[in-house]
């Protein structure tokens, strides 16, 4: 798993590494997808995971629709399962 504190630029680079990137980049005359919004969504999801830390036990977005450029992204479904942090782990994280 990659470092969850990635930047917008790093998220864009990851998107461009996808084998399916040409489909997002206007394949066969289709409109370009809003990859900027997709990168922002990835960064926000990673930030959420970082901020929740060990309380986050599971998280997913299933499916994310990337709309045409300038129109954003939409998630069909998402889940975040948050558990309790034991007192010992919490005290260790506070230093």
N, C-alpha and C. Protein backbone atom coordinates (compact mmCIF):
# COMPACT_ATOMS: atom_id res chain seq x y z
N UNK A 1 0.84 -1.18 0.00
CA UNK A 1 0.00 0.00 0.00
C UNK A 1 0.88 1.24 0.00
N UNK A 2 0.48 2.22 -0.77
CA UNK A 2 1.27 3.44 -0.84
C UNK A 2 1.02 4.33 0.37
N UNK A 3 1.93 5.27 0.60
CA UNK A 3 1.81 6.23 1.69
C UNK A 3 0.49 7.00 1.54
N UNK A 4 -0.37 7.00 2.57
CA UNK A 4 -1.66 7.67 2.43
C UNK A 4 -1.59 9.18 2.40
N UNK A 5 -0.43 9.76 2.66
CA UNK A 5 -0.31 11.21 2.63
C UNK A 5 0.16 11.72 1.28
N UNK A 6 -0.38 11.16 0.22
CA UNK A 6 0.08 11.55 -1.10
C UNK A 6 -0.49 12.90 -1.52
N UNK A 7 0.22 13.54 -2.40
CA UNK A 7 -0.18 14.85 -2.90
C UNK A 7 -1.07 14.70 -4.13
N UNK A 8 -1.66 15.80 -4.54
CA UNK A 8 -2.49 15.81 -5.74
C UNK A 8 -1.66 15.40 -6.97
N UNK A 9 -0.44 15.90 -7.03
CA UNK A 9 0.44 15.58 -8.16
C UNK A 9 0.78 14.08 -8.18
N UNK A 10 1.01 13.51 -6.99
CA UNK A 10 1.29 12.07 -6.92
C UNK A 10 0.06 11.26 -7.34
N UNK A 11 -1.11 11.71 -6.94
CA UNK A 11 -2.34 11.02 -7.34
C UNK A 11 -2.50 11.07 -8.85
N UNK A 12 -2.23 12.21 -9.46
CA UNK A 12 -2.30 12.32 -10.93
C UNK A 12 -1.31 11.36 -11.59
N UNK A 13 -0.12 11.27 -11.03
CA UNK A 13 0.88 10.35 -11.59
C UNK A 13 0.40 8.90 -11.49
N UNK A 14 -0.21 8.54 -10.37
CA UNK A 14 -0.74 7.18 -10.23
C UNK A 14 -1.83 6.90 -11.26
N UNK A 15 -2.69 7.87 -11.48
CA UNK A 15 -3.75 7.71 -12.47
C UNK A 15 -3.17 7.50 -13.85
N UNK A 16 -2.13 8.27 -14.18
CA UNK A 16 -1.51 8.15 -15.50
C UNK A 16 -0.79 6.82 -15.70
N UNK A 17 -0.47 6.12 -14.59
CA UNK A 17 0.18 4.81 -14.67
C UNK A 17 -0.81 3.69 -14.99
N UNK A 18 -2.09 3.95 -14.84
CA UNK A 18 -3.09 2.91 -15.08
C UNK A 18 -3.07 2.44 -16.54
N UNK A 19 -3.21 1.15 -16.74
CA UNK A 19 -3.30 0.63 -18.11
C UNK A 19 -4.51 1.19 -18.82
N UNK A 20 -5.54 1.51 -18.04
CA UNK A 20 -6.77 2.04 -18.62
C UNK A 20 -6.78 3.56 -18.75
N UNK A 21 -5.67 4.22 -18.47
CA UNK A 21 -5.63 5.67 -18.55
C UNK A 21 -6.11 6.21 -19.90
N UNK A 22 -5.76 5.57 -21.02
CA UNK A 22 -6.26 6.11 -22.31
C UNK A 22 -7.78 6.26 -22.35
N UNK A 23 -8.51 5.42 -21.62
CA UNK A 23 -9.96 5.55 -21.58
C UNK A 23 -10.39 6.83 -20.88
N UNK A 24 -9.58 7.30 -19.94
CA UNK A 24 -9.87 8.54 -19.23
C UNK A 24 -9.40 9.77 -20.00
N UNK A 25 -8.52 9.55 -20.93
CA UNK A 25 -7.86 10.65 -21.64
C UNK A 25 -8.46 10.93 -23.02
N UNK A 26 -9.70 10.54 -23.22
CA UNK A 26 -10.36 10.86 -24.49
C UNK A 26 -10.16 9.82 -25.57
N UNK A 27 -10.23 8.58 -25.21
CA UNK A 27 -10.03 7.46 -26.13
C UNK A 27 -11.06 7.47 -27.25
N UNK A 28 -10.61 7.33 -28.48
CA UNK A 28 -11.46 7.24 -29.67
C UNK A 28 -12.52 8.34 -29.75
N UNK A 29 -12.10 9.55 -29.48
CA UNK A 29 -12.97 10.69 -29.65
C UNK A 29 -13.94 10.96 -28.49
N UNK A 30 -13.89 10.13 -27.46
CA UNK A 30 -14.73 10.39 -26.31
C UNK A 30 -14.20 11.60 -25.54
N UNK A 31 -15.06 12.26 -24.78
CA UNK A 31 -14.56 13.40 -23.99
C UNK A 31 -13.58 12.94 -22.92
N UNK A 32 -12.62 13.80 -22.62
CA UNK A 32 -11.69 13.50 -21.53
C UNK A 32 -12.44 13.45 -20.22
N UNK A 33 -12.03 12.54 -19.37
CA UNK A 33 -12.63 12.42 -18.04
C UNK A 33 -12.01 13.46 -17.11
N UNK A 34 -12.68 13.74 -16.03
CA UNK A 34 -12.22 14.73 -15.06
C UNK A 34 -11.17 14.10 -14.14
N UNK A 35 -9.96 13.95 -14.67
CA UNK A 35 -8.90 13.30 -13.89
C UNK A 35 -8.44 14.17 -12.73
N UNK A 36 -8.60 15.48 -12.85
CA UNK A 36 -8.27 16.37 -11.72
C UNK A 36 -9.19 16.07 -10.53
N UNK A 37 -10.48 15.88 -10.81
CA UNK A 37 -11.43 15.56 -9.74
C UNK A 37 -11.16 14.17 -9.17
N UNK A 38 -10.78 13.24 -10.03
CA UNK A 38 -10.44 11.90 -9.56
C UNK A 38 -9.24 11.95 -8.62
N UNK A 39 -8.23 12.72 -9.00
CA UNK A 39 -7.05 12.87 -8.14
C UNK A 39 -7.44 13.50 -6.80
N UNK A 40 -8.30 14.50 -6.83
CA UNK A 40 -8.75 15.13 -5.59
C UNK A 40 -9.50 14.14 -4.70
N UNK A 41 -10.31 13.28 -5.32
CA UNK A 41 -11.05 12.27 -4.54
C UNK A 41 -10.09 11.26 -3.91
N UNK A 42 -9.07 10.87 -4.64
CA UNK A 42 -8.08 9.93 -4.11
C UNK A 42 -7.34 10.55 -2.93
N UNK A 43 -6.95 11.80 -3.07
CA UNK A 43 -6.23 12.50 -2.00
C UNK A 43 -7.15 12.65 -0.77
N UNK A 44 -8.40 12.99 -0.98
CA UNK A 44 -9.34 13.14 0.14
C UNK A 44 -9.56 11.81 0.86
N UNK A 45 -9.66 10.73 0.10
CA UNK A 45 -9.85 9.39 0.68
C UNK A 45 -8.62 9.02 1.51
N UNK A 46 -7.44 9.28 0.96
CA UNK A 46 -6.20 8.99 1.68
C UNK A 46 -6.08 9.84 2.94
N UNK A 47 -6.49 11.10 2.85
CA UNK A 47 -6.44 11.99 4.02
C UNK A 47 -7.38 11.47 5.12
N UNK A 48 -8.58 11.02 4.71
CA UNK A 48 -9.52 10.45 5.67
C UNK A 48 -8.89 9.26 6.39
N UNK A 49 -8.25 8.38 5.61
CA UNK A 49 -7.62 7.19 6.21
C UNK A 49 -6.52 7.59 7.17
N UNK A 50 -5.74 8.59 6.82
CA UNK A 50 -4.66 9.05 7.68
C UNK A 50 -5.20 9.66 8.96
N UNK A 51 -6.22 10.49 8.85
CA UNK A 51 -6.77 11.16 10.03
C UNK A 51 -7.46 10.17 10.97
N UNK A 52 -8.11 9.16 10.43
CA UNK A 52 -8.78 8.18 11.29
C UNK A 52 -7.80 7.18 11.89
N UNK A 53 -6.68 6.99 11.21
CA UNK A 53 -5.63 6.12 11.73
C UNK A 53 -6.12 4.72 12.04
N UNK A 54 -5.74 4.23 13.23
CA UNK A 54 -6.07 2.85 13.59
C UNK A 54 -7.56 2.64 13.88
N UNK A 55 -8.31 3.73 14.02
CA UNK A 55 -9.76 3.58 14.21
C UNK A 55 -10.43 3.06 12.95
N UNK A 56 -9.83 3.33 11.78
CA UNK A 56 -10.41 2.89 10.51
C UNK A 56 -10.01 1.44 10.27
N UNK A 57 -10.98 0.56 10.27
CA UNK A 57 -10.68 -0.87 10.08
C UNK A 57 -10.92 -1.31 8.65
N UNK A 58 -11.76 -0.58 7.92
CA UNK A 58 -12.08 -0.95 6.54
C UNK A 58 -12.64 0.27 5.83
N UNK A 59 -12.28 0.45 4.56
CA UNK A 59 -12.85 1.55 3.77
C UNK A 59 -12.78 1.20 2.29
N UNK A 60 -13.82 1.55 1.59
CA UNK A 60 -13.82 1.34 0.14
C UNK A 60 -14.84 2.25 -0.53
N UNK A 61 -14.58 2.52 -1.77
CA UNK A 61 -15.55 3.18 -2.65
C UNK A 61 -15.75 2.19 -3.79
N UNK A 62 -16.99 1.86 -4.05
CA UNK A 62 -17.26 0.88 -5.11
C UNK A 62 -18.44 1.35 -5.92
N UNK A 63 -18.25 1.71 -6.83
CA UNK A 63 -17.68 2.32 -7.99
C UNK A 63 -17.55 3.82 -7.83
N UNK A 64 -16.58 4.31 -8.52
CA UNK A 64 -16.45 5.76 -8.64
C UNK A 64 -16.56 6.07 -10.13
N UNK A 65 -17.50 6.93 -10.45
CA UNK A 65 -17.72 7.32 -11.85
C UNK A 65 -16.98 8.62 -12.09
N UNK A 66 -16.13 8.61 -13.10
CA UNK A 66 -15.37 9.81 -13.46
C UNK A 66 -16.11 10.44 -14.63
N UNK A 67 -16.68 11.60 -14.37
CA UNK A 67 -17.51 12.30 -15.35
C UNK A 67 -16.62 13.07 -16.33
N UNK A 68 -17.20 13.60 -17.39
CA UNK A 68 -16.40 14.39 -18.33
C UNK A 68 -15.69 15.56 -17.64
N UNK A 69 -14.60 15.95 -18.22
CA UNK A 69 -13.75 17.01 -17.66
C UNK A 69 -14.59 18.20 -17.19
N UNK A 70 -14.32 18.63 -15.95
CA UNK A 70 -15.01 19.76 -15.38
C UNK A 70 -16.30 19.40 -14.64
N UNK A 71 -16.71 18.13 -14.70
CA UNK A 71 -17.97 17.72 -14.07
C UNK A 71 -17.79 16.87 -12.82
N UNK A 72 -16.57 16.55 -12.45
CA UNK A 72 -16.30 15.87 -11.20
C UNK A 72 -16.38 14.36 -11.25
N UNK A 73 -16.54 13.77 -10.08
CA UNK A 73 -16.67 12.33 -9.91
C UNK A 73 -17.88 12.07 -9.02
N UNK A 74 -18.43 10.87 -9.12
CA UNK A 74 -19.56 10.46 -8.28
C UNK A 74 -19.30 9.05 -7.79
N UNK A 75 -19.51 8.83 -6.52
CA UNK A 75 -19.37 7.49 -5.95
C UNK A 75 -20.74 6.83 -5.93
N UNK A 76 -20.81 5.59 -6.41
CA UNK A 76 -22.06 4.85 -6.36
C UNK A 76 -22.31 4.35 -4.96
N UNK A 77 -21.25 3.95 -4.28
CA UNK A 77 -21.38 3.38 -2.96
C UNK A 77 -20.04 3.51 -2.24
N UNK A 78 -20.10 3.68 -0.96
CA UNK A 78 -18.88 3.73 -0.18
C UNK A 78 -19.16 3.27 1.24
N UNK A 79 -18.12 2.80 1.88
CA UNK A 79 -18.26 2.35 3.26
C UNK A 79 -16.98 2.66 4.02
N UNK A 80 -17.15 3.05 5.26
CA UNK A 80 -16.02 3.21 6.17
C UNK A 80 -16.44 2.57 7.49
N UNK A 81 -15.66 1.61 7.95
CA UNK A 81 -15.93 0.93 9.21
C UNK A 81 -14.93 1.46 10.22
N UNK A 82 -15.48 2.03 11.28
CA UNK A 82 -14.64 2.64 12.30
C UNK A 82 -14.79 1.84 13.58
N UNK A 83 -13.67 1.38 14.10
CA UNK A 83 -13.68 0.61 15.34
C UNK A 83 -13.16 1.44 16.48
N UNK A 84 -13.18 0.85 17.64
CA UNK A 84 -12.68 1.52 18.83
C UNK A 84 -11.18 1.35 18.92
N UNK A 85 -10.54 2.35 19.47
CA UNK A 85 -9.10 2.30 19.71
C UNK A 85 -8.91 1.96 21.18
N UNK A 86 -8.12 0.96 21.43
CA UNK A 86 -7.89 0.61 22.84
C UNK A 86 -7.08 1.71 23.51
N UNK A 87 -7.27 1.87 24.80
CA UNK A 87 -6.61 2.95 25.54
C UNK A 87 -5.11 2.89 25.44
N UNK A 88 -4.53 1.68 25.43
CA UNK A 88 -3.07 1.53 25.34
C UNK A 88 -2.54 2.05 24.01
N UNK A 89 -3.21 1.70 22.91
CA UNK A 89 -2.79 2.18 21.60
C UNK A 89 -2.95 3.69 21.49
N UNK A 90 -4.02 4.23 22.04
CA UNK A 90 -4.24 5.67 22.02
C UNK A 90 -3.16 6.41 22.78
N UNK A 91 -2.75 5.90 23.93
CA UNK A 91 -1.73 6.58 24.71
C UNK A 91 -0.37 6.51 24.01
N UNK A 92 -0.10 5.41 23.32
CA UNK A 92 1.16 5.32 22.56
C UNK A 92 1.20 6.33 21.43
N UNK A 93 0.07 6.55 20.76
CA UNK A 93 0.05 7.47 19.63
C UNK A 93 0.19 8.91 20.08
N UNK A 94 -0.14 9.20 21.31
CA UNK A 94 0.00 10.57 21.83
C UNK A 94 1.42 10.87 22.28
N UNK A 95 2.20 9.83 22.40
CA UNK A 95 3.60 10.02 22.67
C UNK A 95 3.99 9.93 24.06
